[in-house]
C-alpha atoms as a PDB file:
ATOM      1  CA  MET A   1      91.934  76.925  99.345  1.00  0.00           C
ATOM      2  CA  HIS A   2      95.551  77.424 100.315  1.00  0.00           C
ATOM      3  CA  GLU A   3      94.285  78.753 103.644  1.00  0.00           C
ATOM      4  CA  TYR A   4      94.366  75.169 104.955  1.00  0.00           C
ATOM      5  CA  SER A   5      98.060  74.808 104.114  1.00  0.00           C
ATOM      6  CA  ILE A   6      98.745  78.217 105.675  1.00  0.00           C
ATOM      7  CA  VAL A   7      97.035  77.152 108.902  1.00  0.00           C
ATOM      8  CA  ALA A   8      98.820  73.784 108.900  1.00  0.00           C
ATOM      9  CA  ALA A   9     102.185  75.570 108.612  1.00  0.00           C
ATOM     10  CA  LEU A  10     101.119  78.097 111.245  1.00  0.00           C
ATOM     11  CA  ILE A  11     100.200  75.403 113.756  1.00  0.00           C
ATOM     12  CA  ASP A  12     103.442  73.531 113.021  1.00  0.00           C
ATOM     13  CA  GLY A  13     105.373  76.730 113.778  1.00  0.00           C
ATOM     14  CA  VAL A  14     103.425  77.320 116.982  1.00  0.00           C
ATOM     15  CA  GLU A  15     104.056  73.736 118.107  1.00  0.00           C
ATOM     16  CA  ARG A  16     107.807  74.179 117.513  1.00  0.00           C
ATOM     17  CA  GLU A  17     107.855  77.391 119.568  1.00  0.00           C
ATOM     18  CA  VAL A  18     105.828  75.852 122.390  1.00  0.00           C
ATOM     19  CA  SER A  19     108.100  72.803 122.458  1.00  0.00           C
ATOM     20  CA  ALA A  20     111.256  74.935 122.441  1.00  0.00           C
ATOM     21  CA  ARG A  21     109.998  76.875 125.470  1.00  0.00           C
ATOM     22  CA  GLY A  22     108.613  73.925 127.398  1.00  0.00           C
ATOM     23  CA  GLY A  23     105.079  75.245 127.008  1.00  0.00           C
ATOM     24  CA  SER A  24     102.028  73.122 127.603  1.00  0.00           C
ATOM     25  CA  ARG A  25      99.008  74.911 126.177  1.00  0.00           C
ATOM     26  CA  VAL A  26      98.307  77.768 123.794  1.00  0.00           C
ATOM     27  CA  HIS A  27      95.564  80.228 124.710  1.00  0.00           C
ATOM     28  CA  GLY A  28      95.763  82.396 121.618  1.00  0.00           C
ATOM     29  CA  ILE A  29      97.782  83.384 118.595  1.00  0.00           C
ATOM     30  CA  GLN A  30      97.959  86.640 116.684  1.00  0.00           C
ATOM     31  CA  VAL A  31      98.699  86.766 112.963  1.00  0.00           C
ATOM     32  CA  ALA A  32      99.275  89.805 110.727  1.00  0.00           C
ATOM     33  CA  ILE A  33      97.889  89.357 107.218  1.00  0.00           C
ATOM     34  CA  GLY A  34      98.525  91.809 104.418  1.00  0.00           C
ATOM     35  CA  GLU A  35      95.659  92.843 102.190  1.00  0.00           C
ATOM     36  CA  LEU A  36      97.652  91.625  99.167  1.00  0.00           C
ATOM     37  CA  ALA A  37      98.579  88.245 100.690  1.00  0.00           C
ATOM     38  CA  GLY A  38      95.777  86.532  98.783  1.00  0.00           C
ATOM     39  CA  VAL A  39      94.194  85.105 101.928  1.00  0.00           C
ATOM     40  CA  GLU A  40      90.451  84.785 102.480  1.00  0.00           C
ATOM     41  CA  ILE A  41      90.169  85.702 106.165  1.00  0.00           C
ATOM     42  CA  GLU A  42      86.964  83.751 106.838  1.00  0.00           C
ATOM     43  CA  LEU A  43      88.396  80.621 105.185  1.00  0.00           C
ATOM     44  CA  LEU A  44      91.512  81.039 107.326  1.00  0.00           C
ATOM     45  CA  ARG A  45      89.378  81.240 110.477  1.00  0.00           C
ATOM     46  CA  THR A  46      87.453  78.110 109.436  1.00  0.00           C
ATOM     47  CA  ALA A  47      90.684  76.267 108.670  1.00  0.00           C
ATOM     48  CA  PHE A  48      92.086  77.271 112.080  1.00  0.00           C
ATOM     49  CA  GLU A  49      88.970  75.996 113.851  1.00  0.00           C
ATOM     50  CA  THR A  50      89.378  72.678 112.026  1.00  0.00           C
ATOM     51  CA  PHE A  51      93.141  72.195 112.385  1.00  0.00           C
ATOM     52  CA  ARG A  52      93.579  73.409 115.956  1.00  0.00           C
ATOM     53  CA  GLU A  53      91.801  70.326 117.336  1.00  0.00           C
ATOM     54  CA  ARG A  54      94.184  67.646 118.570  1.00  0.00           C
ATOM     55  CA  SER A  55      97.071  70.131 118.525  1.00  0.00           C
ATOM     56  CA  VAL A  56      98.679  72.363 121.116  1.00  0.00           C
ATOM     57  CA  CYS A  57      96.306  75.073 119.794  1.00  0.00           C
ATOM     58  CA  ASP A  58      93.156  73.159 120.774  1.00  0.00           C
ATOM     59  CA  GLY A  59      90.805  75.789 122.209  1.00  0.00           C
ATOM     60  CA  ALA A  60      93.105  78.698 121.323  1.00  0.00           C
ATOM     61  CA  SER A  61      91.766  81.917 119.877  1.00  0.00           C
ATOM     62  CA  LEU A  62      92.955  83.407 116.597  1.00  0.00           C
ATOM     63  CA  THR A  63      93.407  87.165 116.302  1.00  0.00           C
ATOM     64  CA  ILE A  64      94.011  88.534 112.824  1.00  0.00           C
ATOM     65  CA  VAL A  65      95.627  91.937 112.396  1.00  0.00           C
ATOM     66  CA  PRO A  66      95.017  93.334 108.911  1.00  0.00           C
ATOM     67  CA  VAL A  67      97.960  95.082 107.238  1.00  0.00           C
ATOM     68  CA  ALA A  68      97.246  97.653 104.550  1.00  0.00           C
ATOM     69  CA  ALA A  69      99.360  97.724 101.410  1.00  0.00           C
ATOM     70  CA  HIS A  70     102.012 100.441 101.447  1.00  0.00           C
ATOM     71  CA  TRP A  71     103.908 101.506  98.338  1.00  0.00           C
ATOM     72  CA  SER A  72     106.881 103.821  97.912  1.00  0.00           C
ATOM     73  CA  CYS A  73     109.451 104.828  95.334  1.00  0.00           C
ATOM     74  CA  PRO A  74     112.688 102.799  95.604  1.00  0.00           C
ATOM     75  CA  GLY A  75     114.640 105.773  94.225  1.00  0.00           C
ATOM     76  CA  CYS A  76     113.545 108.822  96.171  1.00  0.00           C
ATOM     77  CA  GLY A  77     111.518 107.119  98.932  1.00  0.00           C
ATOM     78  CA  ARG A  78     108.329 109.052  98.235  1.00  0.00           C
ATOM     79  CA  GLU A  79     105.279 107.334  99.707  1.00  0.00           C
ATOM     80  CA  LEU A  80     102.404 106.750  97.322  1.00  0.00           C
ATOM     81  CA  PRO A  81      98.865 107.214  98.620  1.00  0.00           C
ATOM     82  CA  PRO A  82      96.318 104.378  98.429  1.00  0.00           C
ATOM     83  CA  GLY A  83      94.795 104.118  94.975  1.00  0.00           C
ATOM     84  CA  ALA A  84      97.600 106.054  93.269  1.00  0.00           C
ATOM     85  CA  ILE A  85      99.245 104.947  90.054  1.00  0.00           C
ATOM     86  CA  LEU A  86     102.126 102.697  91.085  1.00  0.00           C
ATOM     87  CA  ARG A  87     104.764 104.935  89.560  1.00  0.00           C
ATOM     88  CA  CYS A  88     106.610 107.747  91.281  1.00  0.00           C
ATOM     89  CA  PRO A  89     105.338 111.142  90.098  1.00  0.00           C
ATOM     90  CA  ASP A  90     108.750 112.689  90.885  1.00  0.00           C
ATOM     91  CA  CYS A  91     111.264 110.290  89.324  1.00  0.00           C
ATOM     92  CA  ASP A  92     108.956 108.080  87.204  1.00  0.00           C
ATOM     93  CA  ARG A  93     110.245 104.828  88.714  1.00  0.00           C
ATOM     94  CA  PRO A  94     107.902 101.888  89.379  1.00  0.00           C
ATOM     95  CA  ALA A  95     106.714 101.733  92.975  1.00  0.00           C
ATOM     96  CA  ARG A  96     107.908  99.122  95.466  1.00  0.00           C
ATOM     97  CA  LEU A  97     105.573  97.283  97.828  1.00  0.00           C
ATOM     98  CA  ASP A  98     106.914  97.930 101.335  1.00  0.00           C
ATOM     99  CA  HIS A  99     104.337  95.850 103.172  1.00  0.00           C
ATOM    100  CA  GLY A 100     100.887  94.425 102.688  1.00  0.00           C
ATOM    101  CA  ASP A 101     101.658  90.974 101.288  1.00  0.00           C
ATOM    102  CA  GLU A 102     102.880  89.352 104.513  1.00  0.00           C
ATOM    103  CA  ILE A 103     101.553  86.562 106.690  1.00  0.00           C
ATOM    104  CA  LEU A 104     103.336  86.843 110.048  1.00  0.00           C
ATOM    105  CA  LEU A 105     102.895  85.032 113.322  1.00  0.00           C
ATOM    106  CA  GLN A 106     103.163  87.940 115.758  1.00  0.00           C
ATOM    107  CA  ARG A 107     102.240  86.505 119.139  1.00  0.00           C
ATOM    108  CA  ILE A 108     101.704  83.225 120.941  1.00  0.00           C
ATOM    109  CA  GLU A 109      99.994  83.248 124.328  1.00  0.00           C
ATOM    110  CA  MET A 110     100.967  80.012 126.061  1.00  0.00           C
ATOM    111  CA  GLU A 111     101.352  78.389 129.435  1.00  0.00           C
ATOM    112  CA  VAL A 112     104.951  77.770 130.452  1.00  0.00           C
ATOM    113  CA  PRO A 113     106.320  76.214 133.632  1.00  0.00           C
ATOM    114  CA  ASP A 114     107.512  78.486 136.430  1.00  0.00           C
ATOM    115  CA  VAL A 115     111.248  78.890 136.412  1.00  0.00           C
END
């Protein structure tokens, strides 16, 4: 259940950003999660509901953007289709994962003072 530690780190990062910008309240956050990140989405949502209380994220919504795995050849750059053998059919090199294992905080919707 590393989803709880992921959410704890996520909320810590949000609190740092809010503090750095003089924000007061977070309305929502958006996170991109790769299909190979090893994250159970429903556990992550539950962990967020639990940890957001008594934080700057109290009452904030969580939007999760799924990111599909994308593989390519590091030699010739050929893209490999989903479900393909992870070896380039042209140059026989092992494929490289370009994206699909990430966990990225993409957006924070927060209240900030008028400047």
